[in-house]
Amino acid sequence: GMVQNQAFQKPLITPTTKAAAGHDLDISLSEIRKSRIVSDLILDQMTD
């Protein structure tokens, strides 16, 4: 039931991969943890 430009209840973190070429792709925080792109400690710092 949300409408365009409506505020979320709190800010959302919606990461993307950073592609060298082409389109960046959506990825979740849990997928980042599973893929081990970065350590959990660093990811927690990035989120904070």
ModelCIF file with pLDDT and N, C-alpha, C, O atoms, coordinates in Angstrom:
data_MODEL
#
_entry.id   MODEL 
#
_entity.id                         1 
_entity.type                       polymer 
_entity.pdbx_number_of_molecules   1 
#
_entity_poly.entity_id                      1 
_entity_poly.type                           'polypeptide(L)' 
_entity_poly.nstd_linkage                   no 
_entity_poly.nstd_monomer                   no 
_entity_poly.pdbx_seq_one_letter_code       GMVQNQAFQKPLITPTTKAAAGHDLDISLSEIRKSRIVSDLILDQMTD 
_entity_poly.pdbx_seq_one_letter_code_can   GMVQNQAFQKPLITPTTKAAAGHDLDISLSEIRKSRIVSDLILDQMTD 
_entity_poly.pdbx_strand_id                 A 
#
loop_
_entity_poly_seq.entity_id 
_entity_poly_seq.num 
_entity_poly_seq.mon_id 
_entity_poly_seq.hetero 
1 1  GLY n 
1 2  MET n 
1 3  VAL n 
1 4  GLN n 
1 5  ASN n 
1 6  GLN n 
1 7  ALA n 
1 8  PHE n 
1 9  GLN n 
1 10 LYS n 
1 11 PRO n 
1 12 LEU n 
1 13 ILE n 
1 14 THR n 
1 15 PRO n 
1 16 THR n 
1 17 THR n 
1 18 LYS n 
1 19 ALA n 
1 20 ALA n 
1 21 ALA n 
1 22 GLY n 
1 23 HIS n 
1 24 ASP n 
1 25 LEU n 
1 26 ASP n 
1 27 ILE n 
1 28 SER n 
1 29 LEU n 
1 30 SER n 
1 31 GLU n 
1 32 ILE n 
1 33 ARG n 
1 34 LYS n 
1 35 SER n 
1 36 ARG n 
1 37 ILE n 
1 38 VAL n 
1 39 SER n 
1 40 ASP n 
1 41 LEU n 
1 42 ILE n 
1 43 LEU n 
1 44 ASP n 
1 45 GLN n 
1 46 MET n 
1 47 THR n 
1 48 ASP n 
#
_struct_asym.id          A 
_struct_asym.entity_id   1 
#
loop_
_ma_qa_metric.id 
_ma_qa_metric.mode 
_ma_qa_metric.name 
_ma_qa_metric.software_group_id 
_ma_qa_metric.type 
1 global pLDDT . pLDDT 
2 local  pLDDT . pLDDT 
#
_ma_qa_metric_global.metric_id      1 
_ma_qa_metric_global.metric_value   91.73 
_ma_qa_metric_global.model_id       1 
_ma_qa_metric_global.ordinal_id     1 
#
loop_
_ma_qa_metric_local.label_asym_id 
_ma_qa_metric_local.label_comp_id 
_ma_qa_metric_local.label_seq_id 
_ma_qa_metric_local.metric_id 
_ma_qa_metric_local.metric_value 
_ma_qa_metric_local.model_id 
_ma_qa_metric_local.ordinal_id 
A GLY 1  2 97.00 1 1  
A MET 2  2 97.00 1 2  
A VAL 3  2 97.00 1 3  
A GLN 4  2 97.00 1 4  
A ASN 5  2 97.00 1 5  
A GLN 6  2 98.00 1 6  
A ALA 7  2 98.00 1 7  
A PHE 8  2 98.00 1 8  
A GLN 9  2 96.00 1 9  
A LYS 10 2 97.00 1 10 
A PRO 11 2 98.00 1 11 
A LEU 12 2 98.00 1 12 
A ILE 13 2 98.00 1 13 
A THR 14 2 98.00 1 14 
A PRO 15 2 97.00 1 15 
A THR 16 2 96.00 1 16 
A THR 17 2 92.00 1 17 
A LYS 18 2 80.00 1 18 
A ALA 19 2 67.00 1 19 
A ALA 20 2 59.00 1 20 
A ALA 21 2 55.00 1 21 
A GLY 22 2 56.00 1 22 
A HIS 23 2 65.00 1 23 
A ASP 24 2 77.00 1 24 
A LEU 25 2 90.00 1 25 
A ASP 26 2 95.00 1 26 
A ILE 27 2 96.00 1 27 
A SER 28 2 96.00 1 28 
A LEU 29 2 97.00 1 29 
A SER 30 2 96.00 1 30 
A GLU 31 2 96.00 1 31 
A ILE 32 2 96.00 1 32 
A ARG 33 2 96.00 1 33 
A LYS 34 2 95.00 1 34 
A SER 35 2 92.00 1 35 
A ARG 36 2 92.00 1 36 
A ILE 37 2 91.00 1 37 
A VAL 38 2 94.00 1 38 
A SER 39 2 96.00 1 39 
A ASP 40 2 96.00 1 40 
A LEU 41 2 97.00 1 41 
A ILE 42 2 97.00 1 42 
A LEU 43 2 97.00 1 43 
A ASP 44 2 98.00 1 44 
A GLN 45 2 98.00 1 45 
A MET 46 2 98.00 1 46 
A THR 47 2 98.00 1 47 
A ASP 48 2 98.00 1 48 
#
loop_
_atom_site.group_PDB 
_atom_site.id 
_atom_site.type_symbol 
_atom_site.label_atom_id 
_atom_site.label_alt_id 
_atom_site.label_comp_id 
_atom_site.label_asym_id 
_atom_site.label_entity_id 
_atom_site.label_seq_id 
_atom_site.pdbx_PDB_ins_code 
_atom_site.Cartn_x 
_atom_site.Cartn_y 
_atom_site.Cartn_z 
_atom_site.occupancy 
_atom_site.B_iso_or_equiv 
_atom_site.pdbx_formal_charge 
_atom_site.auth_seq_id 
_atom_site.auth_comp_id 
_atom_site.auth_asym_id 
_atom_site.auth_atom_id 
_atom_site.pdbx_PDB_model_num 
ATOM 1   N N  . GLY A 1 1  ? 0.774  -1.236  0.000   1.00 97.00 ? 1  GLY A N  1 
ATOM 2   C CA . GLY A 1 1  ? 0.000  0.000   0.000   1.00 97.00 ? 1  GLY A CA 1 
ATOM 3   C C  . GLY A 1 1  ? 0.803  1.282   0.000   1.00 97.00 ? 1  GLY A C  1 
ATOM 4   O O  . GLY A 1 1  ? 0.251  2.349   0.270   1.00 97.00 ? 1  GLY A O  1 
ATOM 5   N N  . MET A 1 2  ? 2.084  1.210   -0.293  1.00 97.00 ? 2  MET A N  1 
ATOM 6   C CA . MET A 1 2  ? 2.892  2.423   -0.335  1.00 97.00 ? 2  MET A CA 1 
ATOM 7   C C  . MET A 1 2  ? 2.697  3.143   -1.672  1.00 97.00 ? 2  MET A C  1 
ATOM 8   O O  . MET A 1 2  ? 2.292  2.535   -2.663  1.00 97.00 ? 2  MET A O  1 
ATOM 9   N N  . VAL A 1 3  ? 2.989  4.432   -1.683  1.00 97.00 ? 3  VAL A N  1 
ATOM 10  C CA . VAL A 1 3  ? 2.896  5.230   -2.908  1.00 97.00 ? 3  VAL A CA 1 
ATOM 11  C C  . VAL A 1 3  ? 4.268  5.788   -3.241  1.00 97.00 ? 3  VAL A C  1 
ATOM 12  O O  . VAL A 1 3  ? 5.154  5.848   -2.388  1.00 97.00 ? 3  VAL A O  1 
ATOM 13  N N  . GLN A 1 4  ? 4.427  6.188   -4.471  1.00 97.00 ? 4  GLN A N  1 
ATOM 14  C CA . GLN A 1 4  ? 5.712  6.719   -4.922  1.00 97.00 ? 4  GLN A CA 1 
ATOM 15  C C  . GLN A 1 4  ? 6.144  7.895   -4.067  1.00 97.00 ? 4  GLN A C  1 
ATOM 16  O O  . GLN A 1 4  ? 5.348  8.788   -3.774  1.00 97.00 ? 4  GLN A O  1 
ATOM 17  N N  . ASN A 1 5  ? 7.418  7.891   -3.665  1.00 97.00 ? 5  ASN A N  1 
ATOM 18  C CA . ASN A 1 5  ? 8.067  8.957   -2.888  1.00 97.00 ? 5  ASN A CA 1 
ATOM 19  C C  . ASN A 1 5  ? 7.680  8.972   -1.415  1.00 97.00 ? 5  ASN A C  1 
ATOM 20  O O  . ASN A 1 5  ? 8.039  9.905   -0.696  1.00 97.00 ? 5  ASN A O  1 
ATOM 21  N N  . GLN A 1 6  ? 6.949  7.950   -0.950  1.00 98.00 ? 6  GLN A N  1 
ATOM 22  C CA . GLN A 1 6  ? 6.602  7.854   0.465   1.00 98.00 ? 6  GLN A CA 1 
ATOM 23  C C  . GLN A 1 6  ? 7.832  7.466   1.277   1.00 98.00 ? 6  GLN A C  1 
ATOM 24  O O  . GLN A 1 6  ? 8.677  6.703   0.808   1.00 98.00 ? 6  GLN A O  1 
ATOM 25  N N  . ALA A 1 7  ? 7.928  7.990   2.488   1.00 98.00 ? 7  ALA A N  1 
ATOM 26  C CA . ALA A 1 7  ? 9.053  7.670   3.360   1.00 98.00 ? 7  ALA A CA 1 
ATOM 27  C C  . ALA A 1 7  ? 8.908  6.270   3.940   1.00 98.00 ? 7  ALA A C  1 
ATOM 28  O O  . ALA A 1 7  ? 7.808  5.847   4.295   1.00 98.00 ? 7  ALA A O  1 
ATOM 29  N N  . PHE A 1 8  ? 10.018 5.559   4.033   1.00 98.00 ? 8  PHE A N  1 
ATOM 30  C CA . PHE A 1 8  ? 10.037 4.299   4.764   1.00 98.00 ? 8  PHE A CA 1 
ATOM 31  C C  . PHE A 1 8  ? 10.001 4.607   6.265   1.00 98.00 ? 8  PHE A C  1 
ATOM 32  O O  . PHE A 1 8  ? 10.332 5.715   6.687   1.00 98.00 ? 8  PHE A O  1 
ATOM 33  N N  . GLN A 1 9  ? 9.601  3.625   7.056   1.00 96.00 ? 9  GLN A N  1 
ATOM 34  C CA . GLN A 1 9  ? 9.578  3.829   8.507   1.00 96.00 ? 9  GLN A CA 1 
ATOM 35  C C  . GLN A 1 9  ? 10.984 4.104   9.037   1.00 96.00 ? 9  GLN A C  1 
ATOM 36  O O  . GLN A 1 9  ? 11.154 4.876   9.980   1.00 96.00 ? 9  GLN A O  1 
ATOM 37  N N  . LYS A 1 10 ? 11.977 3.480   8.438   1.00 97.00 ? 10 LYS A N  1 
ATOM 38  C CA . LYS A 1 10 ? 13.374 3.753   8.758   1.00 97.00 ? 10 LYS A CA 1 
ATOM 39  C C  . LYS A 1 10 ? 14.193 3.528   7.492   1.00 97.00 ? 10 LYS A C  1 
ATOM 40  O O  . LYS A 1 10 ? 13.765 2.782   6.612   1.00 97.00 ? 10 LYS A O  1 
ATOM 41  N N  . PRO A 1 11 ? 15.348 4.149   7.383   1.00 98.00 ? 11 PRO A N  1 
ATOM 42  C CA . PRO A 1 11 ? 16.161 3.979   6.172   1.00 98.00 ? 11 PRO A CA 1 
ATOM 43  C C  . PRO A 1 11 ? 16.533 2.515   5.945   1.00 98.00 ? 11 PRO A C  1 
ATOM 44  O O  . PRO A 1 11 ? 16.827 1.778   6.886   1.00 98.00 ? 11 PRO A O  1 
ATOM 45  N N  . LEU A 1 12 ? 16.513 2.115   4.681   1.00 98.00 ? 12 LEU A N  1 
ATOM 46  C CA . LEU A 1 12 ? 16.855 0.749   4.294   1.00 98.00 ? 12 LEU A CA 1 
ATOM 47  C C  . LEU A 1 12 ? 18.235 0.732   3.634   1.00 98.00 ? 12 LEU A C  1 
ATOM 48  O O  . LEU A 1 12 ? 18.600 1.659   2.910   1.00 98.00 ? 12 LEU A O  1 
ATOM 49  N N  . ILE A 1 13 ? 18.985 -0.321  3.891   1.00 98.00 ? 13 ILE A N  1 
ATOM 50  C CA . ILE A 1 13 ? 20.248 -0.528  3.195   1.00 98.00 ? 13 ILE A CA 1 
ATOM 51  C C  . ILE A 1 13 ? 20.016 -1.563  2.099   1.00 98.00 ? 13 ILE A C  1 
ATOM 52  O O  . ILE A 1 13 ? 19.669 -2.711  2.375   1.00 98.00 ? 13 ILE A O  1 
ATOM 53  N N  . THR A 1 14 ? 20.213 -1.137  0.851   1.00 98.00 ? 14 THR A N  1 
ATOM 54  C CA . THR A 1 14 ? 19.981 -2.004  -0.303  1.00 98.00 ? 14 THR A CA 1 
ATOM 55  C C  . THR A 1 14 ? 21.247 -2.014  -1.153  1.00 98.00 ? 14 THR A C  1 
ATOM 56  O O  . THR A 1 14 ? 21.334 -1.265  -2.126  1.00 98.00 ? 14 THR A O  1 
ATOM 57  N N  . PRO A 1 15 ? 22.226 -2.842  -0.811  1.00 97.00 ? 15 PRO A N  1 
ATOM 58  C CA . PRO A 1 15 ? 23.527 -2.795  -1.480  1.00 97.00 ? 15 PRO A CA 1 
ATOM 59  C C  . PRO A 1 15 ? 23.444 -3.238  -2.949  1.00 97.00 ? 15 PRO A C  1 
ATOM 60  O O  . PRO A 1 15 ? 22.492 -3.894  -3.371  1.00 97.00 ? 15 PRO A O  1 
ATOM 61  N N  . THR A 1 16 ? 24.470 -2.855  -3.702  1.00 96.00 ? 16 THR A N  1 
ATOM 62  C CA . THR A 1 16 ? 24.642 -3.387  -5.045  1.00 96.00 ? 16 THR A CA 1 
ATOM 63  C C  . THR A 1 16 ? 26.090 -3.840  -5.198  1.00 96.00 ? 16 THR A C  1 
ATOM 64  O O  . THR A 1 16 ? 26.993 -3.366  -4.508  1.00 96.00 ? 16 THR A O  1 
ATOM 65  N N  . THR A 1 17 ? 26.275 -4.771  -6.124  1.00 92.00 ? 17 THR A N  1 
ATOM 66  C CA . THR A 1 17 ? 27.641 -5.106  -6.500  1.00 92.00 ? 17 THR A CA 1 
ATOM 67  C C  . THR A 1 17 ? 28.201 -3.935  -7.295  1.00 92.00 ? 17 THR A C  1 
ATOM 68  O O  . THR A 1 17 ? 27.450 -3.177  -7.908  1.00 92.00 ? 17 THR A O  1 
ATOM 69  N N  . LYS A 1 18 ? 29.516 -3.790  -7.283  1.00 80.00 ? 18 LYS A N  1 
ATOM 70  C CA . LYS A 1 18 ? 30.145 -2.716  -8.048  1.00 80.00 ? 18 LYS A CA 1 
ATOM 71  C C  . LYS A 1 18 ? 30.826 -3.344  -9.251  1.00 80.00 ? 18 LYS A C  1 
ATOM 72  O O  . LYS A 1 18 ? 31.922 -3.894  -9.146  1.00 80.00 ? 18 LYS A O  1 
ATOM 73  N N  . ALA A 1 19 ? 30.159 -3.254  -10.397 1.00 67.00 ? 19 ALA A N  1 
ATOM 74  C CA . ALA A 1 19 ? 30.655 -3.900  -11.602 1.00 67.00 ? 19 ALA A CA 1 
ATOM 75  C C  . ALA A 1 19 ? 31.729 -3.056  -12.265 1.00 67.00 ? 19 ALA A C  1 
ATOM 76  O O  . ALA A 1 19 ? 31.619 -1.832  -12.326 1.00 67.00 ? 19 ALA A O  1 
ATOM 77  N N  . ALA A 1 20 ? 32.775 -3.718  -12.765 1.00 59.00 ? 20 ALA A N  1 
ATOM 78  C CA . ALA A 1 20 ? 33.812 -3.017  -13.524 1.00 59.00 ? 20 ALA A CA 1 
ATOM 79  C C  . ALA A 1 20 ? 33.250 -2.511  -14.836 1.00 59.00 ? 20 ALA A C  1 
ATOM 80  O O  . ALA A 1 20 ? 33.682 -1.477  -15.346 1.00 59.00 ? 20 ALA A O  1 
ATOM 81  N N  . ALA A 1 21 ? 32.282 -3.242  -15.387 1.00 55.00 ? 21 ALA A N  1 
ATOM 82  C CA . ALA A 1 21 ? 31.614 -2.826  -16.607 1.00 55.00 ? 21 ALA A CA 1 
ATOM 83  C C  . ALA A 1 21 ? 30.203 -3.383  -16.570 1.00 55.00 ? 21 ALA A C  1 
ATOM 84  O O  . ALA A 1 21 ? 29.950 -4.417  -15.950 1.00 55.00 ? 21 ALA A O  1 
ATOM 85  N N  . GLY A 1 22 ? 29.274 -2.687  -17.243 1.00 56.00 ? 22 GLY A N  1 
ATOM 86  C CA . GLY A 1 22 ? 27.899 -3.157  -17.264 1.00 56.00 ? 22 GLY A CA 1 
ATOM 87  C C  . GLY A 1 22 ? 27.135 -2.728  -16.018 1.00 56.00 ? 22 GLY A C  1 
ATOM 88  O O  . GLY A 1 22 ? 27.521 -1.792  -15.318 1.00 56.00 ? 22 GLY A O  1 
ATOM 89  N N  . HIS A 1 23 ? 26.045 -3.437  -15.762 1.00 65.00 ? 23 HIS A N  1 
ATOM 90  C CA . HIS A 1 23 ? 25.123 -3.039  -14.705 1.00 65.00 ? 23 HIS A CA 1 
ATOM 91  C C  . HIS A 1 23 ? 25.565 -3.544  -13.329 1.00 65.00 ? 23 HIS A C  1 
ATOM 92  O O  . HIS A 1 23 ? 25.990 -4.691  -13.188 1.00 65.00 ? 23 HIS A O  1 
ATOM 93  N N  . ASP A 1 24 ? 25.460 -2.677  -12.317 1.00 77.00 ? 24 ASP A N  1 
ATOM 94  C CA . ASP A 1 24 ? 25.571 -3.127  -10.937 1.00 77.00 ? 24 ASP A CA 1 
ATOM 95  C C  . ASP A 1 24 ? 24.319 -3.949  -10.609 1.00 77.00 ? 24 ASP A C  1 
ATOM 96  O O  . ASP A 1 24 ? 23.251 -3.704  -11.170 1.00 77.00 ? 24 ASP A O  1 
ATOM 97  N N  . LEU A 1 25 ? 24.449 -4.910  -9.713  1.00 90.00 ? 25 LEU A N  1 
ATOM 98  C CA . LEU A 1 25 ? 23.343 -5.806  -9.395  1.00 90.00 ? 25 LEU A CA 1 
ATOM 99  C C  . LEU A 1 25 ? 22.972 -5.692  -7.927  1.00 90.00 ? 25 LEU A C  1 
ATOM 100 O O  . LEU A 1 25 ? 23.842 -5.580  -7.063  1.00 90.00 ? 25 LEU A O  1 
ATOM 101 N N  . ASP A 1 26 ? 21.664 -5.721  -7.650  1.00 95.00 ? 26 ASP A N  1 
ATOM 102 C CA . ASP A 1 26 ? 21.194 -5.728  -6.268  1.00 95.00 ? 26 ASP A CA 1 
ATOM 103 C C  . ASP A 1 26 ? 21.711 -6.966  -5.549  1.00 95.00 ? 26 ASP A C  1 
ATOM 104 O O  . ASP A 1 26 ? 21.820 -8.041  -6.138  1.00 95.00 ? 26 ASP A O  1 
ATOM 105 N N  . ILE A 1 27 ? 22.027 -6.801  -4.270  1.00 96.00 ? 27 ILE A N  1 
ATOM 106 C CA . ILE A 1 27 ? 22.473 -7.909  -3.451  1.00 96.00 ? 27 ILE A CA 1 
ATOM 107 C C  . ILE A 1 27 ? 22.059 -7.626  -2.011  1.00 96.00 ? 27 ILE A C  1 
ATOM 108 O O  . ILE A 1 27 ? 22.045 -6.467  -1.595  1.00 96.00 ? 27 ILE A O  1 
ATOM 109 N N  . SER A 1 28 ? 21.729 -8.637  -1.259  1.00 96.00 ? 28 SER A N  1 
ATOM 110 C CA . SER A 1 28 ? 21.323 -8.443  0.138   1.00 96.00 ? 28 SER A CA 1 
ATOM 111 C C  . SER A 1 28 ? 22.531 -8.562  1.056   1.00 96.00 ? 28 SER A C  1 
ATOM 112 O O  . SER A 1 28 ? 23.569 -9.102  0.673   1.00 96.00 ? 28 SER A O  1 
ATOM 113 N N  . LEU A 1 29 ? 22.380 -8.052  2.271   1.00 97.00 ? 29 LEU A N  1 
ATOM 114 C CA . LEU A 1 29 ? 23.450 -8.173  3.259   1.00 97.00 ? 29 LEU A CA 1 
ATOM 115 C C  . LEU A 1 29 ? 23.749 -9.639  3.560   1.00 97.00 ? 29 LEU A C  1 
ATOM 116 O O  . LEU A 1 29 ? 24.906 -10.014 3.746   1.00 97.00 ? 29 LEU A O  1 
ATOM 117 N N  . SER A 1 30 ? 22.708 -10.465 3.608   1.00 96.00 ? 30 SER A N  1 
ATOM 118 C CA . SER A 1 30 ? 22.934 -11.891 3.892   1.00 96.00 ? 30 SER A CA 1 
ATOM 119 C C  . SER A 1 30 ? 23.690 -12.563 2.749   1.00 96.00 ? 30 SER A C  1 
ATOM 120 O O  . SER A 1 30 ? 24.522 -13.439 2.988   1.00 96.00 ? 30 SER A O  1 
ATOM 121 N N  . GLU A 1 31 ? 23.410 -12.161 1.514   1.00 96.00 ? 31 GLU A N  1 
ATOM 122 C CA . GLU A 1 31 ? 24.137 -12.715 0.368   1.00 96.00 ? 31 GLU A CA 1 
ATOM 123 C C  . GLU A 1 31 ? 25.599 -12.280 0.380   1.00 96.00 ? 31 GLU A C  1 
ATOM 124 O O  . GLU A 1 31 ? 26.483 -13.045 -0.006  1.00 96.00 ? 31 GLU A O  1 
ATOM 125 N N  . ILE A 1 32 ? 25.852 -11.040 0.827   1.00 96.00 ? 32 ILE A N  1 
ATOM 126 C CA . ILE A 1 32 ? 27.241 -10.573 0.946   1.00 96.00 ? 32 ILE A CA 1 
ATOM 127 C C  . ILE A 1 32 ? 27.988 -11.431 1.956   1.00 96.00 ? 32 ILE A C  1 
ATOM 128 O O  . ILE A 1 32 ? 29.132 -11.820 1.718   1.00 96.00 ? 32 ILE A O  1 
ATOM 129 N N  . ARG A 1 33 ? 27.341 -11.728 3.092   1.00 96.00 ? 33 ARG A N  1 
ATOM 130 C CA . ARG A 1 33 ? 27.976 -12.565 4.124   1.00 96.00 ? 33 ARG A CA 1 
ATOM 131 C C  . ARG A 1 33 ? 28.280 -13.961 3.584   1.00 96.00 ? 33 ARG A C  1 
ATOM 132 O O  . ARG A 1 33 ? 29.357 -14.508 3.824   1.00 96.00 ? 33 ARG A O  1 
ATOM 133 N N  . LYS A 1 34 ? 27.318 -14.533 2.853   1.00 95.00 ? 34 LYS A N  1 
ATOM 134 C CA . LYS A 1 34 ? 27.516 -15.882 2.312   1.00 95.00 ? 34 LYS A CA 1 
ATOM 135 C C  . LYS A 1 34 ? 28.629 -15.916 1.275   1.00 95.00 ? 34 LYS A C  1 
ATOM 136 O O  . LYS A 1 34 ? 29.389 -16.881 1.205   1.00 95.00 ? 34 LYS A O  1 
ATOM 137 N N  . SER A 1 35 ? 28.726 -14.859 0.466   1.00 92.00 ? 35 SER A N  1 
ATOM 138 C CA . SER A 1 35 ? 29.709 -14.846 -0.614  1.00 92.00 ? 35 SER A CA 1 
ATOM 139 C C  . SER A 1 35 ? 31.107 -14.525 -0.129  1.00 92.00 ? 35 SER A C  1 
ATOM 140 O O  . SER A 1 35 ? 32.082 -14.749 -0.846  1.00 92.00 ? 35 SER A O  1 
ATOM 141 N N  . ARG A 1 36 ? 31.215 -13.996 1.095   1.00 92.00 ? 36 ARG A N  1 
ATOM 142 C CA . ARG A 1 36 ? 32.521 -13.644 1.685   1.00 92.00 ? 36 ARG A CA 1 
ATOM 143 C C  . ARG A 1 36 ? 33.248 -12.575 0.868   1.00 92.00 ? 36 ARG A C  1 
ATOM 144 O O  . ARG A 1 36 ? 34.477 -12.559 0.808   1.00 92.00 ? 36 ARG A O  1 
ATOM 145 N N  . ILE A 1 37 ? 32.478 -11.684 0.242   1.00 91.00 ? 37 ILE A N  1 
ATOM 146 C CA . ILE A 1 37 ? 33.098 -10.560 -0.471  1.00 91.00 ? 37 ILE A CA 1 
ATOM 147 C C  . ILE A 1 37 ? 33.928 -9.730  0.497   1.00 91.00 ? 37 ILE A C  1 
ATOM 148 O O  . ILE A 1 37 ? 34.970 -9.183  0.137   1.00 91.00 ? 37 ILE A O  1 
ATOM 149 N N  . VAL A 1 38 ? 33.449 -9.648  1.722   1.00 94.00 ? 38 VAL A N  1 
ATOM 150 C CA . VAL A 1 38 ? 34.128 -8.892  2.769   1.00 94.00 ? 38 VAL A CA 1 
ATOM 151 C C  . VAL A 1 38 ? 33.820 -9.594  4.088   1.00 94.00 ? 38 VAL A C  1 
ATOM 152 O O  . VAL A 1 38 ? 32.822 -10.308 4.187   1.00 94.00 ? 38 VAL A O  1 
ATOM 153 N N  . SER A 1 39 ? 34.652 -9.404  5.085   1.00 96.00 ? 39 SER A N  1 
ATOM 154 C CA . SER A 1 39 ? 34.422 -10.076 6.361   1.00 96.00 ? 39 SER A CA 1 
ATOM 155 C C  . SER A 1 39 ? 33.171 -9.536  7.054   1.00 96.00 ? 39 SER A C  1 
ATOM 156 O O  . SER A 1 39 ? 32.735 -8.416  6.786   1.00 96.00 ? 39 SER A O  1 
ATOM 157 N N  . ASP A 1 40 ? 32.607 -10.338 7.937   1.00 96.00 ? 40 ASP A N  1 
ATOM 158 C CA . ASP A 1 40 ? 31.423 -9.894  8.686   1.00 96.00 ? 40 ASP A CA 1 
ATOM 159 C C  . ASP A 1 40 ? 31.730 -8.643  9.495   1.00 96.00 ? 40 ASP A C  1 
ATOM 160 O O  . ASP A 1 40 ? 30.895 -7.743  9.588   1.00 96.00 ? 40 ASP A O  1 
ATOM 161 N N  . LEU A 1 41 ? 32.931 -8.580  10.086  1.00 97.00 ? 41 LEU A N  1 
ATOM 162 C CA . LEU A 1 41 ? 33.305 -7.422  10.893  1.00 97.00 ? 41 LEU A CA 1 
ATOM 163 C C  . LEU A 1 41 ? 33.308 -6.150  10.058  1.00 97.00 ? 41 LEU A C  1 
ATOM 164 O O  . LEU A 1 41 ? 32.750 -5.136  10.477  1.00 97.00 ? 41 LEU A O  1 
ATOM 165 N N  . ILE A 1 42 ? 33.930 -6.191  8.879   1.00 97.00 ? 42 ILE A N  1 
ATOM 166 C CA . ILE A 1 42 ? 33.988 -5.009  8.019   1.00 97.00 ? 42 ILE A CA 1 
ATOM 167 C C  . ILE A 1 42 ? 32.590 -4.661  7.501   1.00 97.00 ? 42 ILE A C  1 
ATOM 168 O O  . ILE A 1 42 ? 32.233 -3.486  7.426   1.00 97.00 ? 42 ILE A O  1 
ATOM 169 N N  . LEU A 1 43 ? 31.802 -5.674  7.144   1.00 97.00 ? 43 LEU A N  1 
ATOM 170 C CA . LEU A 1 43 ? 30.441 -5.411  6.666   1.00 97.00 ? 43 LEU A CA 1 
ATOM 171 C C  . LEU A 1 43 ? 29.610 -4.739  7.746   1.00 97.00 ? 43 LEU A C  1 
ATOM 172 O O  . LEU A 1 43 ? 28.849 -3.815  7.455   1.00 97.00 ? 43 LEU A O  1 
ATOM 173 N N  . ASP A 1 44 ? 29.743 -5.186  8.987   1.00 98.00 ? 44 ASP A N  1 
ATOM 174 C CA . ASP A 1 44 ? 29.027 -4.540  10.088  1.00 98.00 ? 44 ASP A CA 1 
ATOM 175 C C  . ASP A 1 44 ? 29.458 -3.079  10.232  1.00 98.00 ? 44 ASP A C  1 
ATOM 176 O O  . ASP A 1 44 ? 28.623 -2.206  10.469  1.00 98.00 ? 44 ASP A O  1 
ATOM 177 N N  . GLN A 1 45 ? 30.756 -2.813  10.090  1.00 98.00 ? 45 GLN A N  1 
ATOM 178 C CA . GLN A 1 45 ? 31.245 -1.434  10.164  1.00 98.00 ? 45 GLN A CA 1 
ATOM 179 C C  . GLN A 1 45 ? 30.674 -0.605  9.016   1.00 98.00 ? 45 GLN A C  1 
ATOM 180 O O  . GLN A 1 45 ? 30.250 0.532   9.221   1.00 98.00 ? 45 GLN A O  1 
ATOM 181 N N  . MET A 1 46 ? 30.663 -1.171  7.812   1.00 98.00 ? 46 MET A N  1 
ATOM 182 C CA . MET A 1 46 ? 30.121 -0.457  6.653   1.00 98.00 ? 46 MET A CA 1 
ATOM 183 C C  . MET A 1 46 ? 28.654 -0.105  6.864   1.00 98.00 ? 46 MET A C  1 
ATOM 184 O O  . MET A 1 46 ? 28.217 1.000   6.544   1.00 98.00 ? 46 MET A O  1 
ATOM 185 N N  . THR A 1 47 ? 27.901 -1.056  7.406   1.00 98.00 ? 47 THR A N  1 
ATOM 186 C CA . THR A 1 47 ? 26.474 -0.831  7.653   1.00 98.00 ? 47 THR A CA 1 
ATOM 187 C C  . THR A 1 47 ? 26.273 0.284   8.679   1.00 98.00 ? 47 THR A C  1 
ATOM 188 O O  . THR A 1 47 ? 25.460 1.185   8.472   1.00 98.00 ? 47 THR A O  1 
ATOM 189 N N  . ASP A 1 48 ? 27.010 0.220   9.771   1.00 98.00 ? 48 ASP A N  1 
ATOM 190 C CA . ASP A 1 48 ? 26.892 1.217   10.835  1.00 98.00 ? 48 ASP A CA 1 
ATOM 191 C C  . ASP A 1 48 ? 27.288 2.609   10.333  1.00 98.00 ? 48 ASP A C  1 
ATOM 192 O O  . ASP A 1 48 ? 27.249 3.574   11.097  1.00 98.00 ? 48 ASP A O  1 
#
